[in-house]
Amino acid sequence: MVNPSTIIPPSSEEYTVHNSIGSSSHQMPPSSNKGCGRPLGSKNKPKIPLVINQDSDLALKPIFIQVPKNSDVIEAVVQFARHCQVSITVQCASGSILEATLCQTLPDTSTFVVFGPFTLISLTGTYINNNLSASSSSLSSPSNLDHNCSFTISFCSNFGQSFNGIVGGKVIAADDVTVVVTILKEL
């Protein structure tokens, strides 16, 4: 049976290990010890965290507007902007729609209605508040679309048909539609 090694504390800069079987000694100066881990300057450096100050006046904060079933999505967005007396931009929307009124072509002001149901792919646009009273214009008919707003829409049917264009009137929600808007700051 072999006796365990005994370690004698170093008396100088070298370490000596004595074994009871043999008198071999190993010398390791402390400066030759290798450090653990990756060498300095190697990959996987720690990333500096990105900090966004939530209190900044320049930060765009998303606002979610929930439009109920059988309601006009465009009218709900415009009414929100008028009520808050702000200009807004629509970032995106999700949900399903029953019908949409689109402009035929830009020089021509004629519109056409597409009946669904459809899955809403994209809704973007802007409403510029001109500080008139909320009753100054109405979106009750497609020809009365407010001149201070412009919206584009993309949607598709269950059969693979896709539609996109400029909104020329109502966009009726089939289920709850969520619209994400941000408030435009006046300079």
N, C-alpha and C. Protein backbone atom coordinates (compact mmCIF):
# COMPACT_ATOMS: atom_id res chain seq x y z
N MET A 1 0.83 -1.17 0.00
CA MET A 1 0.00 0.00 0.00
C MET A 1 0.88 1.24 0.00
N VAL A 2 0.47 2.23 -0.80
CA VAL A 2 1.25 3.45 -0.96
C VAL A 2 0.74 4.49 0.01
N ASN A 3 1.65 5.12 0.68
CA ASN A 3 1.29 6.19 1.61
C ASN A 3 0.97 7.46 0.82
N PRO A 4 0.06 8.24 1.29
CA PRO A 4 -0.27 9.47 0.58
C PRO A 4 0.90 10.44 0.60
N SER A 5 0.90 11.30 -0.39
CA SER A 5 1.97 12.31 -0.50
C SER A 5 1.81 13.34 0.60
N THR A 6 2.90 13.87 0.99
CA THR A 6 2.88 14.95 1.97
C THR A 6 3.46 16.18 1.32
N ILE A 7 2.86 17.30 1.59
CA ILE A 7 3.32 18.56 1.00
C ILE A 7 3.98 19.36 2.10
N ILE A 8 5.19 19.77 1.80
CA ILE A 8 5.94 20.58 2.74
C ILE A 8 5.85 22.01 2.26
N PRO A 9 5.50 22.95 3.13
CA PRO A 9 5.38 24.34 2.71
C PRO A 9 6.70 24.84 2.13
N PRO A 10 6.61 25.68 1.08
CA PRO A 10 7.83 26.16 0.43
C PRO A 10 8.61 27.09 1.34
N SER A 11 9.91 26.97 1.21
CA SER A 11 10.77 27.86 2.00
C SER A 11 11.30 28.99 1.14
N SER A 12 11.23 28.81 -0.19
CA SER A 12 11.68 29.88 -1.08
C SER A 12 10.71 29.98 -2.24
N GLU A 13 11.21 30.28 -3.46
CA GLU A 13 10.34 30.46 -4.61
C GLU A 13 9.98 29.16 -5.29
N GLU A 14 10.41 28.04 -4.83
CA GLU A 14 10.08 26.77 -5.46
C GLU A 14 9.27 25.91 -4.51
N TYR A 15 8.44 25.06 -5.12
CA TYR A 15 7.62 24.16 -4.36
C TYR A 15 8.25 22.77 -4.44
N THR A 16 8.28 22.06 -3.33
CA THR A 16 8.84 20.71 -3.30
C THR A 16 7.78 19.77 -2.79
N VAL A 17 7.52 18.69 -3.54
CA VAL A 17 6.57 17.69 -3.13
C VAL A 17 7.34 16.42 -2.84
N HIS A 18 7.18 15.88 -1.63
CA HIS A 18 7.87 14.66 -1.23
C HIS A 18 6.90 13.51 -1.25
N ASN A 19 7.33 12.41 -1.79
CA ASN A 19 6.54 11.20 -1.82
C ASN A 19 7.22 10.19 -0.91
N SER A 20 6.47 9.43 -0.17
CA SER A 20 7.06 8.49 0.77
C SER A 20 7.72 7.32 0.06
N ILE A 21 7.34 7.04 -1.20
CA ILE A 21 7.96 5.94 -1.93
C ILE A 21 9.29 6.37 -2.51
N GLY A 22 9.31 7.48 -3.18
CA GLY A 22 10.54 7.97 -3.80
C GLY A 22 10.79 9.38 -3.35
N SER A 23 11.96 9.83 -3.60
CA SER A 23 12.29 11.19 -3.19
C SER A 23 12.39 12.09 -4.41
N SER A 24 11.44 11.95 -5.34
CA SER A 24 11.46 12.83 -6.50
C SER A 24 10.81 14.15 -6.12
N SER A 25 11.32 15.19 -6.65
CA SER A 25 10.75 16.51 -6.37
C SER A 25 10.43 17.20 -7.69
N HIS A 26 9.38 17.95 -7.66
CA HIS A 26 8.94 18.71 -8.83
C HIS A 26 9.02 20.18 -8.48
N GLN A 27 9.56 20.95 -9.39
CA GLN A 27 9.69 22.37 -9.14
C GLN A 27 8.81 23.12 -10.14
N MET A 28 7.94 24.02 -9.64
CA MET A 28 7.10 24.85 -10.49
C MET A 28 7.14 26.27 -9.94
N PRO A 29 7.80 27.16 -10.63
CA PRO A 29 7.78 28.54 -10.17
C PRO A 29 6.38 29.13 -10.34
N PRO A 30 5.95 29.99 -9.45
CA PRO A 30 4.60 30.53 -9.50
C PRO A 30 4.33 31.34 -10.76
N SER A 31 5.34 31.91 -11.42
CA SER A 31 5.11 32.74 -12.59
C SER A 31 4.74 31.92 -13.82
N SER A 32 4.96 30.60 -13.80
CA SER A 32 4.66 29.78 -14.97
C SER A 32 3.25 29.20 -14.94
N ASN A 33 2.45 29.50 -13.91
CA ASN A 33 1.08 28.99 -13.83
C ASN A 33 0.25 29.63 -14.93
N LYS A 34 -0.51 28.82 -15.66
CA LYS A 34 -1.38 29.34 -16.71
C LYS A 34 -2.72 29.73 -16.08
N GLY A 35 -3.28 30.83 -16.55
CA GLY A 35 -4.57 31.28 -16.07
C GLY A 35 -5.69 30.46 -16.67
N CYS A 36 -6.82 30.45 -16.04
CA CYS A 36 -7.98 29.73 -16.53
C CYS A 36 -8.77 30.62 -17.48
N GLY A 37 -9.46 30.01 -18.42
CA GLY A 37 -10.34 30.76 -19.31
C GLY A 37 -9.66 31.13 -20.61
N ARG A 38 -10.34 32.00 -21.37
CA ARG A 38 -9.83 32.44 -22.67
C ARG A 38 -8.74 33.49 -22.49
N PRO A 39 -7.84 33.56 -23.45
CA PRO A 39 -6.83 34.61 -23.39
C PRO A 39 -7.46 35.98 -23.64
N LEU A 40 -6.81 37.00 -23.17
CA LEU A 40 -7.32 38.35 -23.34
C LEU A 40 -7.41 38.68 -24.82
N GLY A 41 -8.48 39.39 -25.21
CA GLY A 41 -8.66 39.78 -26.60
C GLY A 41 -9.33 38.72 -27.46
N SER A 42 -9.73 37.62 -26.88
CA SER A 42 -10.37 36.57 -27.67
C SER A 42 -11.84 36.90 -27.90
N LYS A 43 -12.53 36.03 -28.62
CA LYS A 43 -13.94 36.26 -28.94
C LYS A 43 -14.82 36.16 -27.69
N ASN A 44 -16.12 36.35 -27.93
CA ASN A 44 -17.13 36.32 -26.87
C ASN A 44 -16.89 37.37 -25.78
N LYS A 45 -16.55 38.56 -26.26
CA LYS A 45 -16.39 39.66 -25.32
C LYS A 45 -17.76 40.05 -24.78
N PRO A 46 -17.83 40.53 -23.56
CA PRO A 46 -19.13 40.95 -23.04
C PRO A 46 -19.67 42.12 -23.84
N LYS A 47 -20.98 42.08 -24.11
CA LYS A 47 -21.64 43.12 -24.87
C LYS A 47 -22.05 44.25 -23.94
N ILE A 48 -21.91 45.46 -24.44
CA ILE A 48 -22.34 46.62 -23.67
C ILE A 48 -23.86 46.69 -23.77
N PRO A 49 -24.57 46.78 -22.65
CA PRO A 49 -26.04 46.82 -22.73
C PRO A 49 -26.53 48.11 -23.36
N LEU A 50 -27.57 48.01 -24.18
CA LEU A 50 -28.18 49.15 -24.82
C LEU A 50 -29.24 49.70 -23.88
N VAL A 51 -29.08 50.93 -23.49
CA VAL A 51 -30.00 51.55 -22.54
C VAL A 51 -30.80 52.61 -23.27
N ILE A 52 -32.12 52.50 -23.22
CA ILE A 52 -33.00 53.50 -23.80
C ILE A 52 -33.69 54.19 -22.65
N ASN A 53 -33.51 55.47 -22.57
CA ASN A 53 -34.11 56.25 -21.50
C ASN A 53 -35.61 56.37 -21.76
N GLN A 54 -36.43 55.80 -20.91
CA GLN A 54 -37.88 55.82 -21.09
C GLN A 54 -38.47 57.21 -20.84
N ASP A 55 -37.74 58.08 -20.18
CA ASP A 55 -38.26 59.40 -19.85
C ASP A 55 -37.98 60.42 -20.94
N SER A 56 -37.34 60.03 -22.03
CA SER A 56 -36.97 60.95 -23.08
C SER A 56 -38.21 61.44 -23.82
N ASP A 57 -38.24 62.73 -24.15
CA ASP A 57 -39.34 63.29 -24.93
C ASP A 57 -39.29 62.83 -26.37
N LEU A 58 -38.11 62.41 -26.83
CA LEU A 58 -37.96 61.99 -28.22
C LEU A 58 -38.30 60.52 -28.43
N ALA A 59 -38.50 59.76 -27.36
CA ALA A 59 -38.79 58.34 -27.49
C ALA A 59 -40.22 58.16 -28.01
N LEU A 60 -40.36 57.29 -29.01
CA LEU A 60 -41.68 56.97 -29.53
C LEU A 60 -42.27 55.85 -28.71
N LYS A 61 -43.42 56.07 -28.16
CA LYS A 61 -44.06 55.06 -27.33
C LYS A 61 -45.24 54.49 -28.10
N PRO A 62 -45.29 53.19 -28.27
CA PRO A 62 -46.41 52.61 -29.01
C PRO A 62 -47.70 52.70 -28.21
N ILE A 63 -48.79 52.94 -28.93
CA ILE A 63 -50.12 52.98 -28.34
C ILE A 63 -50.94 51.93 -29.09
N PHE A 64 -51.60 51.06 -28.35
CA PHE A 64 -52.39 49.99 -28.95
C PHE A 64 -53.86 50.39 -28.90
N ILE A 65 -54.50 50.40 -30.07
CA ILE A 65 -55.92 50.72 -30.17
C ILE A 65 -56.64 49.43 -30.53
N GLN A 66 -57.58 49.02 -29.70
CA GLN A 66 -58.37 47.81 -29.95
C GLN A 66 -59.68 48.24 -30.60
N VAL A 67 -59.88 47.82 -31.86
CA VAL A 67 -61.09 48.17 -32.60
C VAL A 67 -62.05 46.98 -32.54
N PRO A 68 -63.27 47.17 -32.01
CA PRO A 68 -64.19 46.04 -31.86
C PRO A 68 -64.77 45.56 -33.19
N LYS A 69 -65.35 44.39 -33.15
CA LYS A 69 -65.97 43.75 -34.31
C LYS A 69 -67.03 44.66 -34.92
N ASN A 70 -67.11 44.67 -36.25
CA ASN A 70 -68.08 45.44 -37.04
C ASN A 70 -67.89 46.95 -36.92
N SER A 71 -66.73 47.41 -36.49
CA SER A 71 -66.44 48.84 -36.42
C SER A 71 -65.45 49.21 -37.53
N ASP A 72 -65.47 50.50 -37.90
CA ASP A 72 -64.55 50.99 -38.93
C ASP A 72 -63.18 51.26 -38.28
N VAL A 73 -62.16 50.58 -38.78
CA VAL A 73 -60.81 50.70 -38.21
C VAL A 73 -60.25 52.10 -38.43
N ILE A 74 -60.41 52.64 -39.64
CA ILE A 74 -59.87 53.96 -39.96
C ILE A 74 -60.56 55.03 -39.13
N GLU A 75 -61.87 54.95 -39.00
CA GLU A 75 -62.61 55.93 -38.20
C GLU A 75 -62.18 55.88 -36.73
N ALA A 76 -61.94 54.68 -36.20
CA ALA A 76 -61.51 54.55 -34.81
C ALA A 76 -60.14 55.21 -34.60
N VAL A 77 -59.24 55.04 -35.54
CA VAL A 77 -57.90 55.65 -35.43
C VAL A 77 -58.00 57.17 -35.51
N VAL A 78 -58.79 57.68 -36.45
CA VAL A 78 -58.93 59.12 -36.61
C VAL A 78 -59.64 59.73 -35.39
N GLN A 79 -60.67 59.07 -34.87
CA GLN A 79 -61.36 59.58 -33.68
C GLN A 79 -60.42 59.62 -32.47
N PHE A 80 -59.56 58.62 -32.34
CA PHE A 80 -58.58 58.64 -31.25
C PHE A 80 -57.68 59.86 -31.37
N ALA A 81 -57.17 60.13 -32.57
CA ALA A 81 -56.27 61.27 -32.78
C ALA A 81 -56.99 62.59 -32.52
N ARG A 82 -58.22 62.69 -32.97
CA ARG A 82 -58.99 63.92 -32.73
C ARG A 82 -59.28 64.12 -31.25
N HIS A 83 -59.66 63.04 -30.58
CA HIS A 83 -59.97 63.13 -29.16
C HIS A 83 -58.74 63.58 -28.35
N CYS A 84 -57.58 63.04 -28.69
CA CYS A 84 -56.35 63.40 -27.97
C CYS A 84 -55.70 64.66 -28.53
N GLN A 85 -56.23 65.18 -29.63
CA GLN A 85 -55.71 66.38 -30.31
C GLN A 85 -54.23 66.23 -30.64
N VAL A 86 -53.90 65.12 -31.30
CA VAL A 86 -52.52 64.83 -31.69
C VAL A 86 -52.50 64.33 -33.13
N SER A 87 -51.33 64.40 -33.74
CA SER A 87 -51.09 63.76 -35.02
C SER A 87 -50.47 62.40 -34.74
N ILE A 88 -50.86 61.40 -35.52
CA ILE A 88 -50.37 60.05 -35.26
C ILE A 88 -49.89 59.40 -36.55
N THR A 89 -49.09 58.37 -36.38
CA THR A 89 -48.73 57.50 -37.49
C THR A 89 -49.06 56.07 -37.09
N VAL A 90 -49.65 55.34 -38.03
CA VAL A 90 -50.01 53.94 -37.80
C VAL A 90 -48.82 53.10 -38.21
N GLN A 91 -48.32 52.30 -37.27
CA GLN A 91 -47.16 51.46 -37.52
C GLN A 91 -47.56 50.12 -38.12
N CYS A 92 -48.58 49.48 -37.55
CA CYS A 92 -49.02 48.17 -38.03
C CYS A 92 -50.39 47.87 -37.43
N ALA A 93 -50.98 46.81 -37.95
CA ALA A 93 -52.28 46.35 -37.43
C ALA A 93 -52.37 44.85 -37.66
N SER A 94 -53.19 44.20 -36.84
CA SER A 94 -53.39 42.76 -37.00
C SER A 94 -54.84 42.43 -36.68
N GLY A 95 -55.33 41.39 -37.33
CA GLY A 95 -56.70 40.95 -37.13
C GLY A 95 -57.32 40.58 -38.45
N SER A 96 -58.63 40.48 -38.48
CA SER A 96 -59.32 40.16 -39.73
C SER A 96 -60.37 41.23 -40.00
N ILE A 97 -60.63 41.44 -41.29
CA ILE A 97 -61.57 42.49 -41.71
C ILE A 97 -62.64 41.87 -42.60
N LEU A 98 -63.84 42.50 -42.61
CA LEU A 98 -64.95 42.04 -43.44
C LEU A 98 -64.95 42.70 -44.81
N GLU A 99 -64.61 43.98 -44.84
CA GLU A 99 -64.61 44.71 -46.11
C GLU A 99 -63.64 45.87 -46.03
N ALA A 100 -63.20 46.30 -47.21
CA ALA A 100 -62.30 47.44 -47.30
C ALA A 100 -62.63 48.24 -48.55
N THR A 101 -62.59 49.54 -48.42
CA THR A 101 -62.81 50.43 -49.56
C THR A 101 -61.45 50.96 -49.99
N LEU A 102 -61.10 50.70 -51.25
CA LEU A 102 -59.81 51.10 -51.79
C LEU A 102 -59.99 52.10 -52.92
N CYS A 103 -58.96 52.93 -53.14
CA CYS A 103 -58.96 53.87 -54.26
C CYS A 103 -58.63 53.12 -55.54
N GLN A 104 -59.32 53.49 -56.63
CA GLN A 104 -59.08 52.86 -57.92
C GLN A 104 -57.68 53.20 -58.42
N THR A 105 -57.39 54.44 -58.64
CA THR A 105 -56.06 54.93 -59.03
C THR A 105 -55.88 56.30 -58.42
N LEU A 106 -54.65 56.79 -58.37
CA LEU A 106 -54.40 58.07 -57.74
C LEU A 106 -55.04 59.26 -58.46
N PRO A 107 -54.91 59.43 -59.78
CA PRO A 107 -55.55 60.62 -60.37
C PRO A 107 -57.07 60.56 -60.29
N ASP A 108 -57.62 59.36 -60.37
CA ASP A 108 -59.06 59.18 -60.31
C ASP A 108 -59.46 58.99 -58.85
N THR A 109 -60.53 59.62 -58.43
CA THR A 109 -60.95 59.51 -57.03
C THR A 109 -61.99 58.43 -56.83
N SER A 110 -62.26 57.61 -57.84
CA SER A 110 -63.27 56.57 -57.66
C SER A 110 -62.75 55.48 -56.73
N THR A 111 -63.67 54.86 -56.03
CA THR A 111 -63.33 53.82 -55.06
C THR A 111 -64.09 52.54 -55.39
N PHE A 112 -63.63 51.44 -54.84
CA PHE A 112 -64.34 50.18 -54.94
C PHE A 112 -64.24 49.46 -53.61
N VAL A 113 -65.24 48.62 -53.33
CA VAL A 113 -65.32 47.91 -52.07
C VAL A 113 -65.04 46.44 -52.32
N VAL A 114 -64.19 45.85 -51.48
CA VAL A 114 -63.87 44.44 -51.55
C VAL A 114 -64.46 43.79 -50.29
N PHE A 115 -65.25 42.72 -50.49
CA PHE A 115 -65.90 42.04 -49.38
C PHE A 115 -65.16 40.76 -49.04
N GLY A 116 -64.98 40.47 -47.76
CA GLY A 116 -64.18 39.36 -47.29
C GLY A 116 -64.96 38.26 -46.66
N PRO A 117 -64.42 37.57 -45.73
CA PRO A 117 -63.41 37.97 -44.74
C PRO A 117 -61.98 37.91 -45.29
N PHE A 118 -61.14 38.76 -44.73
CA PHE A 118 -59.74 38.86 -45.10
C PHE A 118 -58.88 38.89 -43.85
N THR A 119 -57.63 38.47 -44.01
CA THR A 119 -56.63 38.59 -42.94
C THR A 119 -55.82 39.85 -43.21
N LEU A 120 -55.77 40.71 -42.23
CA LEU A 120 -55.04 41.97 -42.36
C LEU A 120 -53.54 41.68 -42.29
N ILE A 121 -52.81 42.07 -43.31
CA ILE A 121 -51.36 41.87 -43.34
C ILE A 121 -50.64 43.14 -42.88
N SER A 122 -51.07 44.29 -43.41
CA SER A 122 -50.38 45.54 -43.09
C SER A 122 -51.37 46.70 -43.16
N LEU A 123 -51.23 47.61 -42.25
CA LEU A 123 -51.96 48.87 -42.29
C LEU A 123 -51.01 49.94 -41.79
N THR A 124 -50.68 50.88 -42.65
CA THR A 124 -49.78 51.97 -42.27
C THR A 124 -50.38 53.28 -42.75
N GLY A 125 -49.96 54.35 -42.14
CA GLY A 125 -50.44 55.66 -42.57
C GLY A 125 -50.25 56.72 -41.52
N THR A 126 -50.78 57.90 -41.84
CA THR A 126 -50.59 59.07 -40.99
C THR A 126 -51.88 59.88 -40.94
N TYR A 127 -52.16 60.42 -39.77
CA TYR A 127 -53.23 61.40 -39.60
C TYR A 127 -52.60 62.65 -39.02
N ILE A 128 -52.75 63.76 -39.72
CA ILE A 128 -52.21 65.05 -39.25
C ILE A 128 -53.35 65.85 -38.65
N ASN A 129 -53.24 66.18 -37.37
CA ASN A 129 -54.26 66.95 -36.68
C ASN A 129 -54.07 68.42 -37.01
N ASN A 130 -55.11 69.05 -37.53
CA ASN A 130 -55.02 70.48 -37.85
C ASN A 130 -55.76 71.33 -36.82
N ASN A 131 -56.05 70.75 -35.64
CA ASN A 131 -56.67 71.45 -34.51
C ASN A 131 -58.05 72.02 -34.81
N LEU A 132 -58.76 71.44 -35.77
CA LEU A 132 -60.15 71.83 -35.99
C LEU A 132 -61.01 71.04 -35.03
N SER A 133 -62.25 71.40 -34.93
CA SER A 133 -63.14 70.68 -34.01
C SER A 133 -63.34 69.25 -34.50
N ALA A 134 -63.66 68.37 -33.59
CA ALA A 134 -63.82 66.96 -33.92
C ALA A 134 -65.01 66.72 -34.85
N SER A 135 -65.94 67.65 -34.92
CA SER A 135 -67.11 67.45 -35.77
C SER A 135 -66.95 68.09 -37.14
N SER A 136 -65.75 68.58 -37.47
CA SER A 136 -65.56 69.29 -38.73
C SER A 136 -65.66 68.39 -39.94
N SER A 137 -65.30 67.11 -39.81
CA SER A 137 -65.45 66.20 -40.94
C SER A 137 -65.86 64.83 -40.42
N SER A 138 -66.47 64.09 -41.28
CA SER A 138 -66.96 62.78 -40.89
C SER A 138 -66.53 61.74 -41.90
N LEU A 139 -66.35 60.52 -41.45
CA LEU A 139 -65.97 59.43 -42.34
C LEU A 139 -67.18 58.54 -42.62
N SER A 140 -68.37 59.11 -42.61
CA SER A 140 -69.56 58.31 -42.75
C SER A 140 -69.72 57.71 -44.14
N SER A 141 -69.15 58.35 -45.15
CA SER A 141 -69.20 57.77 -46.49
C SER A 141 -67.80 57.79 -47.08
N PRO A 142 -67.52 56.90 -48.04
CA PRO A 142 -66.18 56.82 -48.60
C PRO A 142 -65.71 58.11 -49.24
N SER A 143 -66.62 58.93 -49.78
CA SER A 143 -66.20 60.16 -50.43
C SER A 143 -65.80 61.23 -49.43
N ASN A 144 -66.14 61.06 -48.15
CA ASN A 144 -65.83 62.06 -47.13
C ASN A 144 -64.57 61.73 -46.35
N LEU A 145 -63.65 60.92 -46.90
CA LEU A 145 -62.43 60.59 -46.19
C LEU A 145 -61.63 61.85 -45.93
N ASP A 146 -61.21 62.05 -44.72
CA ASP A 146 -60.49 63.24 -44.28
C ASP A 146 -59.23 63.45 -45.11
N HIS A 147 -59.02 64.68 -45.57
CA HIS A 147 -57.84 64.99 -46.39
C HIS A 147 -56.57 65.09 -45.56
N ASN A 148 -56.67 65.03 -44.24
CA ASN A 148 -55.50 65.09 -43.37
C ASN A 148 -54.94 63.71 -43.06
N CYS A 149 -55.46 62.69 -43.71
CA CYS A 149 -54.97 61.35 -43.44
C CYS A 149 -54.74 60.58 -44.74
N SER A 150 -53.82 59.65 -44.65
CA SER A 150 -53.52 58.77 -45.77
C SER A 150 -53.11 57.43 -45.19
N PHE A 151 -53.77 56.36 -45.66
CA PHE A 151 -53.48 55.03 -45.16
C PHE A 151 -53.32 54.06 -46.32
N THR A 152 -52.39 53.15 -46.18
CA THR A 152 -52.24 52.06 -47.14
C THR A 152 -52.52 50.75 -46.41
N ILE A 153 -53.03 49.77 -47.15
CA ILE A 153 -53.45 48.52 -46.53
C ILE A 153 -53.07 47.35 -47.43
N SER A 154 -52.75 46.23 -46.80
CA SER A 154 -52.53 44.96 -47.49
C SER A 154 -53.29 43.89 -46.73
N PHE A 155 -54.00 43.04 -47.46
CA PHE A 155 -54.74 41.96 -46.83
C PHE A 155 -54.88 40.82 -47.82
N CYS A 156 -55.24 39.64 -47.31
CA CYS A 156 -55.38 38.46 -48.18
C CYS A 156 -56.59 37.64 -47.75
N SER A 157 -57.07 36.85 -48.71
CA SER A 157 -58.20 35.97 -48.43
C SER A 157 -57.68 34.59 -48.05
N ASN A 158 -58.60 33.72 -47.65
CA ASN A 158 -58.23 32.34 -47.32
C ASN A 158 -57.86 31.54 -48.56
N PHE A 159 -58.19 32.06 -49.75
CA PHE A 159 -57.95 31.36 -51.00
C PHE A 159 -56.66 31.81 -51.68
N GLY A 160 -55.87 32.64 -51.03
CA GLY A 160 -54.60 33.07 -51.58
C GLY A 160 -54.63 34.37 -52.35
N GLN A 161 -55.79 35.00 -52.48
CA GLN A 161 -55.85 36.29 -53.15
C GLN A 161 -55.29 37.35 -52.22
N SER A 162 -54.47 38.24 -52.76
CA SER A 162 -53.95 39.33 -51.94
C SER A 162 -54.33 40.66 -52.58
N PHE A 163 -54.58 41.63 -51.72
CA PHE A 163 -54.98 42.96 -52.15
C PHE A 163 -54.11 43.97 -51.42
N ASN A 164 -53.80 45.06 -52.09
CA ASN A 164 -53.14 46.17 -51.40
C ASN A 164 -53.46 47.45 -52.15
N GLY A 165 -53.40 48.54 -51.42
CA GLY A 165 -53.70 49.82 -52.05
C GLY A 165 -53.91 50.91 -51.01
N ILE A 166 -54.39 52.02 -51.51
CA ILE A 166 -54.65 53.19 -50.67
C ILE A 166 -56.10 53.10 -50.19
N VAL A 167 -56.28 53.29 -48.90
CA VAL A 167 -57.62 53.23 -48.31
C VAL A 167 -58.42 54.42 -48.82
N GLY A 168 -59.62 54.12 -49.33
CA GLY A 168 -60.47 55.17 -49.86
C GLY A 168 -61.75 55.36 -49.07
N GLY A 169 -61.87 54.70 -47.93
CA GLY A 169 -63.08 54.80 -47.12
C GLY A 169 -62.98 53.90 -45.91
N LYS A 170 -64.03 53.11 -45.72
CA LYS A 170 -64.12 52.28 -44.52
C LYS A 170 -63.31 51.00 -44.64
N VAL A 171 -62.83 50.54 -43.48
CA VAL A 171 -62.23 49.22 -43.31
C VAL A 171 -62.93 48.62 -42.10
N ILE A 172 -63.82 47.65 -42.34
CA ILE A 172 -64.68 47.12 -41.29
C ILE A 172 -64.02 45.88 -40.67
N ALA A 173 -63.92 45.87 -39.34
CA ALA A 173 -63.29 44.77 -38.61
C ALA A 173 -64.23 43.57 -38.54
N ALA A 174 -63.69 42.36 -38.84
CA ALA A 174 -64.47 41.12 -38.70
C ALA A 174 -64.40 40.62 -37.26
N ASP A 175 -63.24 40.71 -36.67
CA ASP A 175 -63.00 40.41 -35.26
C ASP A 175 -62.31 41.63 -34.67
N ASP A 176 -61.87 41.51 -33.42
CA ASP A 176 -61.11 42.61 -32.84
C ASP A 176 -59.83 42.83 -33.64
N VAL A 177 -59.59 44.07 -34.02
CA VAL A 177 -58.38 44.45 -34.76
C VAL A 177 -57.54 45.31 -33.83
N THR A 178 -56.26 44.98 -33.73
CA THR A 178 -55.34 45.76 -32.91
C THR A 178 -54.49 46.63 -33.83
N VAL A 179 -54.49 47.93 -33.56
CA VAL A 179 -53.73 48.89 -34.36
C VAL A 179 -52.67 49.51 -33.44
N VAL A 180 -51.42 49.54 -33.93
CA VAL A 180 -50.31 50.14 -33.16
C VAL A 180 -50.00 51.49 -33.78
N VAL A 181 -50.12 52.55 -32.98
CA VAL A 181 -49.85 53.91 -33.45
C VAL A 181 -48.81 54.56 -32.55
N THR A 182 -48.17 55.58 -33.09
CA THR A 182 -47.29 56.43 -32.28
C THR A 182 -47.69 57.87 -32.52
N ILE A 183 -47.49 58.69 -31.51
CA ILE A 183 -47.84 60.10 -31.58
C ILE A 183 -46.68 60.86 -32.20
N LEU A 184 -47.01 61.72 -33.18
CA LEU A 184 -46.00 62.56 -33.80
C LEU A 184 -45.85 63.82 -32.97
N LYS A 185 -44.62 64.12 -32.59
CA LYS A 185 -44.36 65.33 -31.79
C LYS A 185 -44.27 66.54 -32.73
N GLU A 186 -44.89 67.63 -32.32
CA GLU A 186 -44.80 68.86 -33.09
C GLU A 186 -43.50 69.57 -32.74
N LEU A 187 -42.87 70.12 -33.76
CA LEU A 187 -41.59 70.82 -33.55
C LEU A 187 -41.80 72.30 -33.38
